[in-house]
Amino acid sequence: MSALLDGIKANNFVIVGRAGIDFFTDVGVRAEDAASVTVDLGGSAANIGAGICKLGGQAALVTSVSDDSVGSYCINRLGHYGVDTTHVRRVGGEYRNSLAFYESVLEGHRNVIYRNGAADFQMEVADVEAVDYSRYGALITAGTVFAAEPSRSATFRAFELAKAAGLPIIFDVDYRPYSWPSSEVAADVLSRAADASDMIVGNDEEFGFMAGGMGKGQAKARVLSETSAEIVVYKMGENGAVTYAGGDEITTGIYPVTAVKPNGAGDAFMAGLMTSIADDHDLETAILRGSACASITVSQPGCAPAMPTPDLLDDFLTNHPGPTQT
């Protein structure tokens, strides 16, 4: 067994990234028509952690949150989903947790993210150096953590420490242009992170961005699988995914559902993929189970609350006609 798969099979992950707060409307309700909204945990890293815990794995989050009621709410909801908050540090001053307000509407969907003076960008090298990486099987991070300092340097330091402890690095590209000072900085930093990772998950736009052109994305994914990463998952939305692993190409479809919003699909995919590998499913099956988790999540409002439990995932796979053929 490879060190990457061996680490994932421990089913105990340290996740470096952000926790935020989500506000979302009821199904079919536009923002301007909402008389009320639902609130729950948000942020890509926090969502991945919640998804892993709901599926039976273990996860600890390393981040910083605002030292106010919103930060307290995020810590409480992480605990609700079973995510270890030992390494979540409160930050005072004017720093604030990220906030997302989105509609449970697919056509013309609007998602407004407030991330000015973000508390999670204040994660420092000392925060990641306080972690005992030997307690975990693998490190997961998502690209937004690299968008600003000191969070960027802290995460690269976490990579170094995790590797020294024998942990593989799993990187969800998760490019969000609004978080970055420029596309040039983003392309450089995300490429550095990809080069340092054992497993990379991204969509066609994200790989195309790193490669310098949409038409070059798939070739970039293939090259990364041949030069640095052991597994690279190249997602193509409704066209499924191509996974490059050990010289093989695994093509998989998606599970069509009636979606109510696009949010949370990538986070759910990652959680499903990790826990399915940990549960001894082969890579192709694990990818399909991750896709099923994504479909379940987009068919319900919210992100963390919409992610499946093992029973819900098994029921979905039993009763769904099956993935699209590619």
Protein backbone atom coordinates (compact mmCIF):
# COMPACT_ATOMS: atom_id res chain seq x y z
CA MET A 1 0.00 0.00 0.00
CA SER A 2 1.27 3.49 -0.83
CA ALA A 3 2.03 6.01 1.90
CA LEU A 4 -0.81 8.17 0.56
CA LEU A 5 -3.46 5.46 0.77
CA ASP A 6 -2.05 4.19 4.04
CA GLY A 7 -2.39 7.67 5.53
CA ILE A 8 -5.96 8.11 4.29
CA LYS A 9 -6.93 4.69 5.64
CA ALA A 10 -6.17 5.93 9.15
CA ASN A 11 -9.40 7.94 8.67
CA ASN A 12 -8.07 10.65 10.96
CA PHE A 13 -7.35 13.97 9.27
CA VAL A 14 -5.83 17.28 10.24
CA ILE A 15 -7.43 19.99 8.10
CA VAL A 16 -5.87 23.43 7.65
CA GLY A 17 -8.32 26.10 6.54
CA ARG A 18 -11.26 28.25 7.43
CA ALA A 19 -14.50 28.00 9.34
CA GLY A 20 -17.20 30.51 8.52
CA ILE A 21 -20.88 31.12 8.94
CA ASP A 22 -23.51 30.47 6.25
CA PHE A 23 -26.91 32.10 5.83
CA PHE A 24 -29.15 30.48 3.23
CA THR A 25 -32.73 30.75 2.05
CA ASP A 26 -35.42 28.09 1.90
CA VAL A 27 -35.66 26.05 -1.29
CA GLY A 28 -36.72 28.17 -4.25
CA VAL A 29 -36.63 31.46 -2.36
CA ARG A 30 -34.68 34.39 -3.79
CA ALA A 31 -32.69 36.58 -1.44
CA GLU A 32 -34.96 39.58 -1.89
CA ASP A 33 -38.04 37.48 -1.06
CA ALA A 34 -36.66 35.80 2.06
CA ALA A 35 -38.55 36.59 5.26
CA SER A 36 -36.10 34.39 7.17
CA VAL A 37 -32.88 32.46 6.55
CA THR A 38 -31.23 29.42 8.10
CA VAL A 39 -27.79 29.70 9.69
CA ASP A 40 -25.15 26.98 9.98
CA LEU A 41 -21.45 26.23 9.70
CA GLY A 42 -19.63 27.23 6.51
CA GLY A 43 -16.13 27.50 5.07
CA SER A 44 -14.56 24.89 2.81
CA ALA A 45 -12.18 23.33 5.34
CA ALA A 46 -14.84 23.26 8.07
CA ASN A 47 -17.33 21.68 5.66
CA ILE A 48 -14.84 18.98 4.69
CA GLY A 49 -14.23 18.25 8.36
CA ALA A 50 -17.94 18.09 9.13
CA GLY A 51 -18.52 15.80 6.14
CA ILE A 52 -15.72 13.44 7.19
CA CYS A 53 -17.05 13.22 10.75
CA LYS A 54 -20.64 12.64 9.58
CA LEU A 55 -19.35 9.74 7.47
CA GLY A 56 -17.58 8.13 10.42
CA GLY A 57 -14.08 9.57 10.17
CA GLN A 58 -12.17 11.86 12.49
CA ALA A 59 -11.06 15.40 11.73
CA ALA A 60 -9.34 18.27 13.53
CA LEU A 61 -9.36 21.83 12.18
CA VAL A 62 -6.43 24.24 12.40
CA THR A 63 -7.56 27.83 11.90
CA SER A 64 -8.29 31.10 13.65
CA VAL A 65 -11.72 32.61 14.25
CA SER A 66 -12.91 36.00 15.44
CA ASP A 67 -13.07 36.49 19.20
CA ASP A 68 -16.75 37.36 19.17
CA SER A 69 -20.16 35.70 19.04
CA VAL A 70 -19.73 34.57 15.42
CA GLY A 71 -16.42 32.90 16.21
CA SER A 72 -18.05 31.23 19.21
CA TYR A 73 -20.88 30.03 16.98
CA CYS A 74 -18.43 28.49 14.50
CA ILE A 75 -16.54 26.68 17.25
CA ASN A 76 -19.81 25.37 18.69
CA ARG A 77 -21.02 24.08 15.31
CA LEU A 78 -17.68 22.42 14.60
CA GLY A 79 -18.13 20.59 17.88
CA HIS A 80 -21.71 19.73 16.95
CA TYR A 81 -20.46 17.91 13.86
CA GLY A 82 -17.65 16.21 15.78
CA VAL A 83 -14.70 18.25 14.49
CA ASP A 84 -11.86 18.64 16.99
CA THR A 85 -11.37 22.36 17.74
CA THR A 86 -8.23 22.05 19.89
CA HIS A 87 -6.25 24.05 17.32
CA VAL A 88 -8.85 26.74 16.58
CA ARG A 89 -7.48 30.02 17.96
CA ARG A 90 -9.55 33.12 18.71
CA VAL A 91 -8.29 36.39 17.20
CA GLY A 92 -9.20 39.77 18.70
CA GLY A 93 -9.32 43.23 17.19
CA GLU A 94 -11.25 44.00 14.01
CA TYR A 95 -10.78 40.62 12.34
CA ARG A 96 -14.02 38.88 11.44
CA ASN A 97 -15.11 35.43 10.38
CA SER A 98 -16.04 34.96 6.75
CA LEU A 99 -19.76 35.02 6.00
CA ALA A 100 -21.68 33.61 3.04
CA PHE A 101 -25.25 34.47 2.10
CA TYR A 102 -26.66 32.32 -0.67
CA GLU A 103 -29.91 31.27 -2.27
CA SER A 104 -31.28 27.72 -2.37
CA VAL A 105 -31.96 28.35 -6.04
CA LEU A 106 -30.07 26.82 -8.94
CA GLU A 107 -31.01 29.01 -11.90
CA GLY A 108 -29.46 32.42 -11.46
CA HIS A 109 -28.00 31.32 -8.14
CA ARG A 110 -26.35 34.10 -6.12
CA ASN A 111 -23.74 33.55 -3.44
CA VAL A 112 -22.37 36.63 -1.67
CA ILE A 113 -19.24 36.08 0.42
CA TYR A 114 -17.95 38.63 2.91
CA ARG A 115 -14.28 38.07 3.67
CA ASN A 116 -12.86 41.49 4.48
CA GLY A 117 -10.34 41.46 7.34
CA ALA A 118 -10.84 37.70 7.57
CA ALA A 119 -9.93 36.11 10.89
CA ASP A 120 -8.81 32.86 9.25
CA PHE A 121 -6.07 34.68 7.33
CA GLN A 122 -4.52 35.46 10.73
CA MET A 123 -3.52 31.86 11.32
CA GLU A 124 0.21 31.97 12.12
CA VAL A 125 3.22 29.68 11.89
CA ALA A 126 3.01 29.20 15.66
CA ASP A 127 -0.51 27.79 15.24
CA VAL A 128 0.58 25.02 12.90
CA GLU A 129 3.75 24.35 14.87
CA ALA A 130 1.60 23.58 17.93
CA VAL A 131 0.04 20.56 16.19
CA ASP A 132 1.22 17.00 16.90
CA TYR A 133 1.05 15.69 13.33
CA SER A 134 1.95 12.15 14.42
CA ARG A 135 -1.61 11.83 15.76
CA TYR A 136 -3.09 11.99 12.25
CA GLY A 137 -2.99 9.99 9.04
CA ALA A 138 -3.09 12.78 6.46
CA LEU A 139 -3.29 16.57 6.06
CA ILE A 140 -6.01 18.19 3.95
CA THR A 141 -6.20 21.81 2.87
CA ALA A 142 -8.13 23.92 0.38
CA GLY A 143 -6.64 26.67 -1.76
CA THR A 144 -8.32 29.66 -0.11
CA VAL A 145 -5.98 29.27 2.88
CA PHE A 146 -3.09 30.41 0.66
CA ALA A 147 -4.70 33.65 -0.51
CA ALA A 148 -3.14 35.96 2.13
CA GLU A 149 -0.48 36.20 4.80
CA PRO A 150 0.26 35.04 7.45
CA SER A 151 -2.05 32.11 6.63
CA ARG A 152 -0.13 31.32 3.42
CA SER A 153 3.25 30.91 5.09
CA ALA A 154 1.69 29.05 7.99
CA THR A 155 0.13 26.49 5.67
CA PHE A 156 3.35 25.87 3.77
CA ARG A 157 4.99 25.37 7.16
CA ALA A 158 2.24 22.87 8.02
CA PHE A 159 3.12 21.01 4.81
CA GLU A 160 6.74 20.77 5.94
CA LEU A 161 5.84 19.54 9.41
CA ALA A 162 3.28 17.04 8.13
CA LYS A 163 5.76 15.60 5.64
CA ALA A 164 8.41 15.32 8.35
CA ALA A 165 5.89 13.29 10.37
CA GLY A 166 5.19 11.04 7.38
CA LEU A 167 1.76 12.47 6.53
CA PRO A 168 0.64 12.76 2.90
CA ILE A 169 -0.68 16.12 1.69
CA ILE A 170 -4.13 16.28 0.09
CA PHE A 171 -4.87 19.54 -1.72
CA ASP A 172 -8.24 20.80 -2.94
CA VAL A 173 -7.35 23.65 -5.33
CA ASP A 174 -10.55 25.59 -4.53
CA TYR A 175 -9.58 28.80 -6.37
CA ARG A 176 -11.71 31.80 -5.32
CA PRO A 177 -10.55 34.90 -7.24
CA TYR A 178 -12.11 37.38 -4.80
CA SER A 179 -9.70 36.28 -2.03
CA TRP A 180 -6.49 36.91 -3.96
CA PRO A 181 -4.52 40.12 -4.63
CA SER A 182 -4.02 39.08 -8.28
CA SER A 183 -4.42 36.11 -10.60
CA GLU A 184 -0.64 36.01 -11.12
CA VAL A 185 0.00 35.56 -7.39
CA ALA A 186 -2.72 32.94 -7.18
CA ALA A 187 -1.35 30.92 -10.10
CA ASP A 188 2.15 30.94 -8.62
CA VAL A 189 1.14 30.04 -5.06
CA LEU A 190 -1.44 27.39 -6.00
CA SER A 191 1.06 25.78 -8.35
CA ARG A 192 3.63 25.65 -5.53
CA ALA A 193 1.06 24.00 -3.29
CA ALA A 194 0.15 21.48 -5.99
CA ASP A 195 3.80 20.60 -6.55
CA ALA A 196 4.15 19.84 -2.83
CA SER A 197 1.02 17.64 -2.65
CA ASP A 198 0.55 13.87 -2.85
CA MET A 199 -3.07 14.11 -3.98
CA ILE A 200 -4.70 17.00 -5.84
CA VAL A 201 -8.41 17.54 -6.43
CA GLY A 202 -9.67 20.35 -8.65
CA ASN A 203 -12.04 21.20 -11.45
CA ASP A 204 -11.27 21.91 -15.08
CA GLU A 205 -11.26 25.68 -14.53
CA GLU A 206 -8.84 25.43 -11.60
CA PHE A 207 -6.36 23.22 -13.42
CA GLY A 208 -6.72 25.42 -16.48
CA PHE A 209 -5.99 28.47 -14.36
CA MET A 210 -2.80 26.93 -12.98
CA ALA A 211 -1.77 25.88 -16.48
CA GLY A 212 -2.31 29.32 -17.96
CA GLY A 213 -5.29 28.44 -20.16
CA MET A 214 -8.54 26.46 -20.01
CA GLY A 215 -7.47 24.20 -22.83
CA LYS A 216 -4.33 23.19 -20.93
CA GLY A 217 -5.95 22.07 -17.67
CA GLN A 218 -6.25 18.36 -18.31
CA ALA A 219 -2.69 18.14 -19.57
CA LYS A 220 -1.59 19.94 -16.39
CA ALA A 221 -3.43 17.39 -14.25
CA ARG A 222 -1.80 14.53 -16.13
CA VAL A 223 1.68 16.03 -15.80
CA LEU A 224 1.23 16.55 -12.05
CA SER A 225 0.29 12.88 -11.70
CA GLU A 226 3.45 11.89 -13.55
CA THR A 227 5.87 14.21 -11.76
CA SER A 228 4.80 14.89 -8.17
CA ALA A 229 1.34 13.77 -7.07
CA GLU A 230 0.33 10.13 -6.74
CA ILE A 231 -3.36 10.80 -7.45
CA VAL A 232 -4.89 13.73 -9.35
CA VAL A 233 -8.66 14.12 -9.69
CA TYR A 234 -9.71 16.35 -12.59
CA LYS A 235 -13.40 17.23 -12.14
CA MET A 236 -15.52 18.36 -15.08
CA GLY A 237 -18.89 19.19 -13.54
CA GLU A 238 -21.76 17.37 -15.22
CA ASN A 239 -19.23 15.55 -17.42
CA GLY A 240 -17.86 13.63 -14.46
CA ALA A 241 -14.18 13.30 -13.62
CA VAL A 242 -10.92 11.82 -14.84
CA THR A 243 -8.56 10.53 -12.17
CA TYR A 244 -4.88 9.97 -12.88
CA ALA A 245 -3.24 7.41 -10.62
CA GLY A 246 -0.21 5.20 -11.16
CA GLY A 247 -0.26 5.69 -14.92
CA ASP A 248 -3.96 4.79 -15.16
CA GLU A 249 -6.87 7.02 -16.16
CA ILE A 250 -10.13 6.37 -14.34
CA THR A 251 -13.17 8.02 -15.93
CA THR A 252 -16.29 8.36 -13.80
CA GLY A 253 -19.71 9.95 -14.19
CA ILE A 254 -22.00 11.81 -11.81
CA TYR A 255 -25.26 10.95 -10.05
CA PRO A 256 -27.94 13.23 -11.56
CA VAL A 257 -30.27 14.82 -8.99
CA THR A 258 -32.59 17.78 -8.76
CA ALA A 259 -30.18 20.31 -7.30
CA VAL A 260 -31.34 23.27 -5.23
CA LYS A 261 -27.96 25.04 -5.23
CA PRO A 262 -24.33 24.40 -6.27
CA ASN A 263 -22.72 25.10 -2.86
CA GLY A 264 -20.91 22.37 -0.95
CA ALA A 265 -20.44 19.90 -3.79
CA GLY A 266 -16.64 19.97 -3.75
CA ASP A 267 -16.43 19.75 0.04
CA ALA A 268 -18.81 16.80 0.12
CA PHE A 269 -16.90 15.09 -2.69
CA MET A 270 -13.67 15.35 -0.71
CA ALA A 271 -15.27 14.03 2.48
CA GLY A 272 -16.85 11.11 0.64
CA LEU A 273 -13.67 10.29 -1.25
CA MET A 274 -11.50 10.29 1.88
CA THR A 275 -13.81 8.20 4.03
CA SER A 276 -14.55 5.76 1.22
CA ILE A 277 -10.85 5.07 0.66
CA ALA A 278 -10.54 4.68 4.44
CA ASP A 279 -13.38 2.14 4.35
CA ASP A 280 -11.36 -0.01 1.90
CA HIS A 281 -13.24 0.82 -1.28
CA ASP A 282 -11.11 0.77 -4.42
CA LEU A 283 -10.24 4.16 -5.92
CA GLU A 284 -12.89 4.15 -8.66
CA THR A 285 -15.64 3.21 -6.20
CA ALA A 286 -14.40 5.84 -3.74
CA ILE A 287 -14.55 8.52 -6.43
CA LEU A 288 -18.10 7.51 -7.30
CA ARG A 289 -19.11 7.56 -3.65
CA GLY A 290 -17.60 11.05 -3.39
CA SER A 291 -19.69 12.07 -6.40
CA ALA A 292 -22.78 10.65 -4.71
CA CYS A 293 -22.04 12.72 -1.60
CA ALA A 294 -21.78 15.83 -3.79
CA SER A 295 -25.14 15.06 -5.40
CA ILE A 296 -26.82 14.51 -2.04
CA THR A 297 -25.45 17.80 -0.72
CA VAL A 298 -26.57 19.97 -3.65
CA SER A 299 -30.07 18.49 -3.46
CA GLN A 300 -30.66 20.06 -0.02
CA PRO A 301 -30.24 23.53 1.48
CA GLY A 302 -27.02 24.36 3.29
CA CYS A 303 -23.58 22.76 3.18
CA ALA A 304 -22.51 21.08 6.43
CA PRO A 305 -26.10 20.12 7.38
CA ALA A 306 -26.72 18.71 3.89
CA MET A 307 -23.77 16.32 3.91
CA PRO A 308 -24.76 12.67 4.24
CA THR A 309 -24.38 10.12 6.99
CA PRO A 310 -23.36 6.53 6.03
CA ASP A 311 -27.00 5.39 6.13
CA LEU A 312 -28.15 8.23 3.88
CA LEU A 313 -25.29 7.57 1.44
CA ASP A 314 -26.04 3.85 1.30
CA ASP A 315 -29.75 4.52 0.78
CA PHE A 316 -28.97 6.97 -2.02
CA LEU A 317 -26.67 4.50 -3.79
CA THR A 318 -29.20 1.69 -3.40
CA ASN A 319 -32.11 3.64 -4.84
CA HIS A 320 -30.43 5.84 -7.46
CA PRO A 321 -30.40 4.46 -11.04
CA GLY A 322 -26.65 4.93 -11.15
CA PRO A 323 -24.01 7.35 -12.42
CA THR A 324 -23.92 8.75 -15.92
CA GLN A 325 -21.82 6.74 -18.36
CA THR A 326 -18.72 8.45 -19.69
